[in-house]
Protein backbone atom coordinates (compact mmCIF):
# COMPACT_ATOMS: atom_id res chain seq x y z
CA MET A 1 -6.45 -25.35 -40.25
CA LYS A 2 -6.50 -21.98 -39.48
CA LYS A 3 -4.10 -20.46 -36.79
CA SER A 4 -6.11 -19.80 -33.59
CA PHE A 5 -5.22 -16.41 -31.72
CA VAL A 6 -6.35 -17.29 -28.06
CA GLY A 7 -3.34 -17.20 -26.28
CA PHE A 8 0.59 -16.37 -26.37
CA LYS A 9 1.58 -19.51 -24.61
CA LYS A 10 2.88 -22.69 -26.65
CA ALA A 11 -0.19 -25.08 -26.83
CA ALA A 12 0.27 -28.65 -27.51
CA GLY A 13 -3.58 -29.25 -27.52
CA VAL A 14 -4.32 -33.11 -28.17
CA LEU A 15 -6.16 -34.07 -31.23
CA ALA A 16 -8.87 -36.55 -29.84
CA LEU A 17 -9.21 -39.42 -32.28
CA ALA A 18 -12.87 -40.47 -33.59
CA VAL A 19 -14.49 -43.63 -31.85
CA GLY A 20 -17.37 -45.52 -33.13
CA LEU A 21 -17.33 -44.18 -36.55
CA SER A 22 -20.05 -45.77 -38.99
CA SER A 23 -18.17 -48.88 -41.08
CA ALA A 24 -18.90 -46.79 -44.12
CA LEU A 25 -16.59 -44.26 -43.01
CA ALA A 26 -13.66 -46.70 -41.26
CA GLY A 27 -14.17 -48.73 -44.37
CA CYS A 28 -11.68 -46.71 -46.39
CA SER A 29 -9.06 -48.55 -45.00
CA GLY A 30 -10.93 -52.36 -45.59
CA SER A 31 -11.13 -52.40 -41.92
CA ASN A 32 -14.63 -52.86 -39.90
CA SER A 33 -13.20 -51.21 -36.93
CA SER A 34 -11.28 -48.37 -35.91
CA ASP A 35 -7.59 -48.58 -35.00
CA THR A 36 -6.98 -47.02 -31.64
CA SER A 37 -3.56 -48.84 -31.17
CA LYS A 38 -1.91 -45.39 -32.45
CA ALA A 39 -1.11 -42.62 -30.09
CA PRO A 40 -3.03 -39.37 -31.07
CA GLU A 41 -1.13 -36.93 -33.27
CA LYS A 42 0.10 -33.59 -31.46
CA ASN A 43 -0.51 -30.43 -32.81
CA THR A 44 2.81 -28.68 -32.13
CA GLU A 45 1.75 -25.27 -34.10
CA LYS A 46 2.44 -22.36 -32.10
CA LYS A 47 -0.39 -20.29 -30.84
CA VAL A 48 -0.23 -16.99 -31.34
CA GLN A 49 -1.74 -13.82 -29.79
CA GLU A 50 -1.81 -10.34 -31.63
CA ILE A 51 -1.90 -6.90 -29.90
CA ARG A 52 -2.28 -3.64 -31.08
CA LEU A 53 -0.48 -0.49 -31.04
CA VAL A 54 -1.67 2.92 -31.70
CA ALA A 55 1.36 5.26 -31.94
CA ALA A 56 2.39 8.41 -33.19
CA ASN A 57 4.48 8.82 -36.36
CA HIS A 58 7.59 9.42 -34.65
CA PRO A 59 11.35 8.20 -34.61
CA TRP A 60 10.83 5.65 -31.67
CA THR A 61 7.93 4.13 -33.67
CA GLU A 62 10.24 3.70 -36.66
CA ALA A 63 13.04 2.10 -34.82
CA ILE A 64 10.93 -0.40 -32.51
CA LYS A 65 9.52 -1.67 -36.02
CA ALA A 66 12.90 -3.33 -36.64
CA GLN A 67 12.96 -4.81 -33.12
CA LEU A 68 9.55 -6.60 -32.95
CA PRO A 69 10.76 -9.90 -34.66
CA GLU A 70 12.96 -10.45 -31.53
CA PHE A 71 9.78 -10.05 -29.44
CA GLU A 72 7.66 -12.46 -31.18
CA LYS A 73 10.07 -14.96 -31.26
CA GLU A 74 10.71 -14.56 -27.40
CA THR A 75 7.04 -14.55 -26.39
CA GLY A 76 4.74 -15.53 -29.32
CA ILE A 77 2.84 -12.01 -29.60
CA LYS A 78 2.35 -10.53 -32.46
CA VAL A 79 2.54 -6.75 -32.34
CA LYS A 80 0.29 -4.72 -34.91
CA ILE A 81 1.13 -1.07 -35.19
CA ASP A 82 -1.21 1.73 -36.59
CA SER A 83 0.49 5.01 -36.55
CA TYR A 84 -0.74 8.58 -36.90
CA PHE A 85 0.47 12.18 -36.78
CA GLU A 86 0.06 13.50 -33.46
CA ASP A 87 -3.14 15.24 -33.63
CA GLN A 88 -4.71 12.61 -35.73
CA LEU A 89 -3.47 10.26 -32.89
CA THR A 90 -5.17 12.25 -30.07
CA GLN A 91 -8.61 12.22 -32.23
CA LYS A 92 -8.22 8.75 -33.24
CA THR A 93 -7.62 7.49 -29.78
CA SER A 94 -10.18 9.72 -28.40
CA VAL A 95 -12.95 8.58 -30.34
CA GLU A 96 -11.89 4.76 -29.83
CA PHE A 97 -11.71 4.96 -26.46
CA ALA A 98 -15.03 6.95 -25.92
CA SER A 99 -16.76 4.09 -28.12
CA ASN A 100 -15.66 1.65 -25.48
CA SER A 101 -13.59 -0.18 -28.11
CA LYS A 102 -11.70 -3.36 -27.18
CA ASN A 103 -9.22 -3.18 -30.01
CA ILE A 104 -6.33 -0.69 -28.39
CA ASP A 105 -4.15 -2.83 -26.26
CA VAL A 106 -1.18 -0.59 -26.24
CA VAL A 107 -1.27 3.26 -26.80
CA MET A 108 1.39 5.90 -27.13
CA PHE A 109 0.36 9.08 -25.65
CA ARG A 110 1.61 12.61 -24.55
CA PRO A 111 1.05 12.90 -21.02
CA LEU A 112 1.22 16.15 -20.47
CA GLN A 113 -1.09 17.14 -23.51
CA ASP A 114 -3.50 14.36 -23.44
CA GLY A 115 -2.80 12.20 -20.21
CA LYS A 116 -4.89 14.07 -17.53
CA MET A 117 -7.77 13.76 -20.02
CA PHE A 118 -7.29 10.38 -20.99
CA HIS A 119 -6.78 9.43 -17.17
CA LYS A 120 -9.98 11.17 -15.95
CA SER A 121 -11.89 9.77 -18.43
CA GLY A 122 -10.87 6.30 -17.60
CA TYR A 123 -9.26 5.34 -21.03
CA PHE A 124 -6.05 3.71 -19.28
CA ALA A 125 -5.82 0.26 -17.47
CA ASP A 126 -3.93 0.81 -14.02
CA MET A 127 -0.61 -0.46 -14.09
CA THR A 128 0.31 -0.27 -10.64
CA GLY A 129 -0.30 -3.99 -10.19
CA TYR A 130 1.86 -5.22 -13.15
CA ILE A 131 4.88 -2.82 -11.98
CA SER A 132 4.43 -4.21 -8.22
CA LYS A 133 5.16 -7.54 -9.62
CA GLU A 134 8.51 -6.49 -10.67
CA GLN A 135 11.09 -6.10 -7.65
CA ASP A 136 12.06 -2.24 -7.76
CA TYR A 137 10.94 -1.97 -11.19
CA THR A 138 11.30 1.79 -11.08
CA LYS A 139 14.15 2.17 -9.34
CA ASP A 140 16.11 3.08 -12.46
CA PHE A 141 13.81 5.43 -13.87
CA ILE A 142 14.46 9.13 -13.62
CA PRO A 143 12.19 10.25 -10.81
CA SER A 144 10.48 13.45 -12.85
CA SER A 145 9.80 11.03 -15.98
CA LEU A 146 7.46 9.01 -13.42
CA GLY A 147 5.67 11.96 -12.43
CA SER A 148 4.38 12.64 -15.42
CA VAL A 149 2.41 8.97 -15.94
CA GLN A 150 1.07 8.45 -12.16
CA GLN A 151 -1.48 9.91 -10.20
CA ASP A 152 -2.49 9.25 -6.62
CA LYS A 153 0.67 6.67 -6.39
CA LYS A 154 -1.20 4.71 -9.30
CA TYR A 155 0.63 4.38 -12.68
CA PHE A 156 -1.41 4.95 -15.56
CA GLY A 157 1.53 4.59 -18.12
CA LEU A 158 5.38 4.33 -17.83
CA PRO A 159 7.77 6.93 -19.69
CA LEU A 160 9.06 6.20 -23.38
CA VAL A 161 10.75 9.46 -24.64
CA THR A 162 12.14 12.04 -22.46
CA GLU A 163 13.43 15.49 -22.73
CA THR A 164 14.71 18.48 -20.74
CA GLU A 165 15.77 22.09 -21.12
CA VAL A 166 19.23 22.74 -21.64
CA LEU A 167 21.23 25.63 -22.66
CA TYR A 168 22.62 25.98 -26.01
CA TYR A 169 25.50 28.25 -26.18
CA ARG A 170 28.26 29.61 -29.20
CA LYS A 171 31.49 27.67 -27.55
CA ASP A 172 33.27 30.18 -30.16
CA LEU A 173 31.75 33.18 -28.84
CA LEU A 174 32.34 32.78 -25.17
CA GLU A 175 36.12 31.58 -25.53
CA LYS A 176 36.71 34.98 -27.41
CA ALA A 177 35.08 37.37 -24.67
CA GLY A 178 36.52 35.35 -22.04
CA ILE A 179 33.06 34.16 -20.57
CA GLU A 180 32.51 31.41 -18.61
CA VAL A 181 29.43 29.16 -19.16
CA PRO A 182 26.43 30.48 -17.30
CA LYS A 183 25.83 28.50 -14.29
CA THR A 184 22.91 30.80 -12.77
CA LEU A 185 20.45 32.88 -14.49
CA GLU A 186 22.13 36.21 -13.28
CA GLU A 187 25.29 34.93 -15.31
CA LEU A 188 23.46 34.07 -18.35
CA GLU A 189 21.69 37.75 -18.30
CA ALA A 190 25.58 39.19 -18.04
CA ALA A 191 27.02 37.00 -20.40
CA ALA A 192 23.65 37.64 -22.93
CA LYS A 193 24.09 41.32 -22.32
CA LYS A 194 27.97 41.33 -23.18
CA LEU A 195 27.25 39.25 -26.17
CA ASN A 196 24.43 41.15 -27.83
CA ASP A 197 25.61 42.62 -31.00
CA PRO A 198 22.90 43.90 -32.95
CA ALA A 199 25.18 45.46 -35.50
CA ASN A 200 26.62 42.32 -36.63
CA GLY A 201 23.39 40.37 -36.62
CA VAL A 202 24.37 38.53 -33.02
CA ALA A 203 21.81 38.52 -30.62
CA GLY A 204 22.52 37.62 -26.78
CA PHE A 205 19.84 35.20 -26.39
CA VAL A 206 17.09 33.67 -28.24
CA ALA A 207 14.34 31.60 -27.06
CA ARG A 208 10.33 31.01 -27.88
CA GLY A 209 8.12 34.02 -27.83
CA LYS A 210 5.23 32.76 -29.43
CA ARG A 211 2.48 33.01 -27.06
CA ALA A 212 1.58 29.11 -26.39
CA ALA A 213 4.66 27.47 -27.74
CA ALA A 214 6.78 29.60 -25.44
CA VAL A 215 4.92 28.52 -21.95
CA THR A 216 6.68 25.24 -21.83
CA GLN A 217 10.13 26.76 -22.19
CA PHE A 218 9.59 29.56 -19.95
CA SER A 219 8.50 26.85 -17.19
CA SER A 220 12.39 26.19 -16.49
CA PHE A 221 12.82 29.75 -15.25
CA LEU A 222 9.77 29.95 -13.45
CA TYR A 223 10.70 26.92 -11.24
CA GLY A 224 14.00 28.47 -10.97
CA PHE A 225 12.47 31.84 -9.52
CA GLY A 226 10.45 29.49 -7.16
CA GLY A 227 7.25 29.94 -8.78
CA ASP A 228 4.51 27.57 -10.31
CA PHE A 229 1.63 27.63 -12.36
CA MET A 230 -0.98 26.85 -9.77
CA LYS A 231 -1.33 25.17 -6.05
CA ASP A 232 -3.76 23.27 -4.44
CA GLY A 233 -6.28 23.96 -7.32
CA LYS A 234 -5.31 27.96 -7.17
CA SER A 235 -3.63 29.95 -9.66
CA THR A 236 -0.08 31.34 -8.54
CA LEU A 237 0.64 33.60 -12.04
CA THR A 238 0.62 36.47 -9.74
CA SER A 239 2.90 35.17 -7.02
CA PRO A 240 6.07 37.41 -6.43
CA GLU A 241 8.22 34.43 -7.72
CA ALA A 242 6.29 34.09 -10.86
CA LEU A 243 6.38 37.79 -11.60
CA LYS A 244 9.76 37.83 -11.32
CA ALA A 245 10.10 34.82 -13.78
CA PHE A 246 7.99 36.72 -16.13
CA GLU A 247 9.99 40.09 -15.97
CA TYR A 248 13.24 38.15 -16.40
CA TYR A 249 12.33 36.37 -19.38
CA GLY A 250 10.39 39.08 -20.93
CA ASN A 251 13.63 41.39 -20.12
CA LEU A 252 15.97 38.89 -22.00
CA LEU A 253 14.19 38.62 -25.08
CA ASN A 254 13.30 42.52 -25.03
CA LYS A 255 16.78 43.77 -24.70
CA TYR A 256 18.76 40.92 -25.81
CA GLY A 257 16.64 38.87 -28.43
CA PRO A 258 16.57 39.10 -31.93
CA LYS A 259 13.68 40.66 -33.94
CA GLY A 260 10.63 38.85 -34.56
CA THR A 261 10.63 36.79 -31.36
CA LEU A 262 6.93 36.99 -31.13
CA ASN A 263 6.21 35.03 -33.97
CA MET A 264 9.05 32.30 -32.59
CA SER A 265 8.25 28.54 -31.76
CA TRP A 266 11.16 26.27 -31.50
CA PRO A 267 11.79 26.02 -35.61
CA GLU A 268 12.31 29.81 -35.88
CA ALA A 269 14.46 30.40 -32.72
CA MET A 270 16.56 27.25 -33.63
CA ALA A 271 17.19 28.93 -36.83
CA VAL A 272 18.09 31.98 -35.47
CA PHE A 273 20.74 30.33 -33.54
CA THR A 274 21.76 27.54 -35.97
CA GLN A 275 22.75 30.39 -38.71
CA GLY A 276 24.84 32.17 -36.24
CA LYS A 277 22.65 35.04 -34.78
CA ALA A 278 22.45 34.27 -31.29
CA ALA A 279 24.83 33.26 -28.67
CA PHE A 280 22.66 31.60 -26.48
CA TYR A 281 19.26 29.56 -26.61
CA THR A 282 17.02 27.55 -24.17
CA ASP A 283 15.18 24.49 -25.46
CA ALA A 284 14.44 20.91 -25.42
CA SER A 285 17.51 18.51 -25.47
CA SER A 286 15.58 16.72 -27.95
CA LEU A 287 16.04 19.11 -30.56
CA PHE A 288 20.00 18.87 -30.33
CA THR A 289 20.68 17.18 -33.71
CA ASN A 290 19.15 20.76 -35.72
CA ALA A 291 22.26 22.37 -34.00
CA THR A 292 25.25 19.68 -34.32
CA ASP A 293 24.11 18.91 -37.87
CA PRO A 294 26.11 20.27 -40.45
CA SER A 295 23.28 20.08 -43.08
CA LYS A 296 21.32 21.76 -40.77
CA SER A 297 23.54 24.45 -39.08
CA ALA A 298 26.06 26.49 -40.03
CA VAL A 299 27.37 26.25 -36.19
CA ALA A 300 27.62 22.81 -35.74
CA ASP A 301 31.18 22.57 -34.67
CA LYS A 302 30.75 25.43 -32.50
CA VAL A 303 27.63 24.68 -30.46
CA GLY A 304 28.11 23.84 -26.55
CA PHE A 305 25.91 22.46 -24.11
CA ALA A 306 25.00 23.05 -20.14
CA PRO A 307 22.72 22.13 -17.51
CA PHE A 308 19.61 24.31 -16.95
CA PRO A 309 21.08 27.75 -15.23
CA ALA A 310 20.03 28.34 -11.36
CA GLY A 311 17.70 30.57 -10.09
CA ALA A 312 16.75 32.00 -6.34
CA ASN A 313 15.43 28.56 -6.08
CA GLY A 314 18.15 26.45 -7.62
CA SER A 315 18.19 24.81 -11.08
CA LYS A 316 14.54 22.99 -11.36
CA PRO A 317 14.29 22.46 -15.22
CA TYR A 318 11.28 20.58 -16.53
CA ASN A 319 12.58 16.88 -17.37
CA VAL A 320 9.73 15.41 -18.58
CA THR A 321 8.02 12.15 -20.41
CA SER A 322 7.30 13.37 -23.90
CA TRP A 323 5.74 10.10 -24.85
CA ALA A 324 4.53 7.31 -23.07
CA LEU A 325 2.87 3.95 -23.31
CA GLY A 326 -0.12 2.85 -21.39
CA ILE A 327 -2.78 -0.01 -21.71
CA GLY A 328 -6.07 0.29 -22.71
CA ALA A 329 -8.60 -0.11 -20.13
CA ASN A 330 -10.93 -2.07 -22.56
CA SER A 331 -8.29 -4.45 -23.73
CA GLU A 332 -9.04 -7.70 -23.34
CA LYS A 333 -5.16 -8.79 -23.76
CA LYS A 334 -3.94 -6.77 -20.92
CA ASP A 335 -1.71 -9.21 -19.76
CA ALA A 336 -0.16 -9.53 -23.37
CA ALA A 337 0.01 -5.57 -23.83
CA TRP A 338 2.16 -5.38 -20.63
CA GLU A 339 4.37 -7.90 -21.71
CA PHE A 340 5.21 -5.84 -24.82
CA ILE A 341 6.02 -2.74 -22.14
CA LYS A 342 7.93 -4.37 -20.08
CA TRP A 343 10.31 -5.93 -23.07
CA VAL A 344 10.29 -2.31 -24.71
CA GLU A 345 10.83 -0.61 -21.49
CA SER A 346 13.81 -2.88 -20.20
CA LYS A 347 17.27 -1.65 -19.93
CA GLU A 348 18.18 -3.60 -22.80
CA MET A 349 15.92 -2.51 -24.86
CA VAL A 350 16.02 1.49 -23.90
CA THR A 351 19.84 1.00 -24.52
CA LYS A 352 19.44 -0.27 -28.15
CA LEU A 353 16.46 2.56 -29.07
CA GLN A 354 18.39 5.58 -27.11
CA ALA A 355 21.61 4.37 -29.02
CA GLU A 356 19.65 5.45 -32.19
CA GLY A 357 18.79 8.77 -30.65
CA ASN A 358 15.55 8.08 -28.83
CA PRO A 359 16.35 9.57 -25.36
CA GLY A 360 14.64 7.18 -22.79
CA ALA A 361 14.06 7.51 -18.90
CA ARG A 362 16.48 4.80 -17.47
CA ILE A 363 18.94 6.19 -15.36
CA SER A 364 21.64 3.51 -16.09
CA VAL A 365 21.36 3.98 -19.84
CA TRP A 366 22.07 7.58 -19.38
CA ASP A 367 25.25 6.45 -17.30
CA SER A 368 26.59 4.02 -19.88
CA ALA A 369 28.87 4.85 -23.04
CA GLU A 370 26.48 2.99 -25.38
CA GLY A 371 23.48 4.59 -24.24
CA THR A 372 24.88 8.17 -24.98
CA ALA A 373 27.01 7.27 -27.99
CA LYS A 374 25.07 9.78 -30.38
CA PHE A 375 24.88 12.35 -28.04
CA PRO A 376 27.06 15.00 -27.50
CA LYS A 377 29.37 14.38 -24.15
CA ASP A 378 28.51 17.80 -22.81
CA LEU A 379 24.91 17.39 -23.61
CA ALA A 380 24.88 13.96 -22.15
CA ALA A 381 26.18 15.34 -18.89
CA ALA A 382 23.69 18.18 -18.80
CA ILE A 383 20.96 15.92 -19.55
CA ALA A 384 21.93 13.64 -16.34
CA GLU A 385 22.69 16.73 -14.24
CA ASN A 386 19.14 18.04 -15.03
CA GLY A 387 17.69 14.81 -13.96
CA LYS A 388 18.50 14.95 -10.60
CA ALA A 389 16.04 17.86 -9.65
CA GLY A 390 14.04 17.98 -12.49
CA THR A 391 10.21 18.68 -12.29
CA SER A 392 7.85 16.27 -14.11
CA TYR A 393 5.81 18.96 -15.78
CA ASP A 394 6.60 21.78 -18.19
CA ARG A 395 2.86 23.28 -18.50
CA PRO A 396 -0.38 23.15 -15.88
CA VAL A 397 -1.22 19.76 -15.47
CA VAL A 398 -5.06 20.29 -16.87
CA ILE A 399 -7.22 18.83 -18.85
CA ASN A 400 -7.94 22.46 -21.03
CA VAL A 401 -4.06 22.59 -21.52
CA GLY A 402 -4.39 24.75 -24.75
CA SER A 403 -6.84 27.39 -23.30
CA ALA A 404 -4.49 27.57 -19.99
CA ARG A 405 -1.24 27.94 -22.30
CA ASP A 406 -2.98 31.03 -24.07
CA SER A 407 -3.46 32.67 -20.99
CA ILE A 408 0.00 32.18 -19.84
CA GLY A 409 1.07 32.95 -23.22
CA ASP A 410 -0.51 36.39 -23.12
CA ILE A 411 1.96 37.20 -19.62
CA ILE A 412 5.11 36.13 -21.60
CA ILE A 413 4.20 38.39 -24.70
CA ALA A 414 3.50 41.30 -22.26
CA GLY A 415 7.02 40.89 -20.85
CA ILE A 416 8.83 40.81 -24.33
CA GLU A 417 7.09 44.12 -25.29
CA GLY A 418 7.64 45.84 -22.34
CA LYS A 419 4.59 46.02 -21.16
CA ASP A 420 2.92 45.77 -17.89
CA VAL A 421 3.53 42.38 -16.36
CA LYS A 422 1.62 42.57 -13.29
CA ALA A 423 -1.23 43.61 -15.01
CA ALA A 424 -0.98 40.99 -17.50
CA ALA A 425 -0.48 38.51 -14.88
CA GLU A 426 -3.78 39.29 -12.92
CA LYS A 427 -5.83 39.08 -16.10
CA ALA A 428 -4.39 35.91 -17.21
CA ASP A 429 -4.78 34.76 -13.45
CA GLY A 430 -8.76 34.97 -13.51
CA GLU A 431 -8.91 33.19 -16.94
CA PHE A 432 -6.47 30.61 -15.55
CA GLN A 433 -8.37 30.12 -12.14
CA LYS A 434 -11.79 29.80 -14.44
CA ILE A 435 -10.18 26.89 -16.40
CA LEU A 436 -9.05 25.17 -12.69
CA ASP A 437 -12.64 25.62 -11.31
CA SER A 438 -14.16 24.15 -14.28
CA GLU A 439 -12.00 20.86 -13.56
CA LYS A 440 -12.84 20.48 -10.36
């Protein structure tokens, strides 16, 4: 008998005994009549439902595979995982969703890269009803992480992997110079100036300077100065606050950054820092093992971490959901998909996965010893502090995010090169506004 995949609850269906069989068929026992005195046999076979998770090739995906037998045992739901590289994942899911495929039950996606496009296209099921049935379900989630997966107070996903921008610094260099860990951007600039020592191959500060790649890390500086990318559908790239932020970031890298900054995304900037060639570095918390692993870093035992320094508007670093889980709009197994998401987003499971280095979004897990066991203590403290006033996006929340980042990146380049930031901002402002208008 083939196993049926029509439900995930245990089925105990009764097999009806045939009556009124012909004597020829009943005669195999030598009897001319059916024996109805015996109770019908029960099918004790557990019916199983299978859902499909389309995911990224990511440490989280590998970690959850080991936990799936537990979920299947608890619920009777099997989970089939199809995983792809990031760009392949976007292409694969886009094609399947656009063809109204019913085969994507759960999808792993990047809220700030693909989320708005997928949501606007109707690719996600509304998860608000499921979430509202769970008492105080979202209270334990970092507020800014939820901002990435909802619109008009309706949820199209739940945060899976989070990251925030922190300050990496060389403890030995600061101690030797008698400098306190910077708490403000003003203090960061003064410390970078003092520790800048190009004659000995040490830059005061390193960060991303490559056009589009720099935008996400620049965002925390922008918010700290009180600026933003846009407001009410209008570009705000030329606001006084935004101009100050562009000038500050550009000046920091122009005066105290290493050579080749304009070609640096995170791998190049991180390499400068881990080779002992920079005093300060700002980037995503999720990259920390590159700085603390002795096999990757020449200064592994000298690295410290701190919350993102405050600007005139306070400390407003991005604290985002880099990966989330959603339910396919055309899935015919939405209830089973929700059971999986609820399980994998539970405090117990987030604790297990975070203990393996996958930073989740639950406040209680960040407050626990088990949840932060594999994170340096000062990094865990910095992440928790950033979460209190974090911003839910690190780039413009638009569909055509690639073009938007390119335009904004041009202003960053102008600042690093010491060119006219205002002129560059005015040009980019017009380009960005066209993108915003096209998406209305």
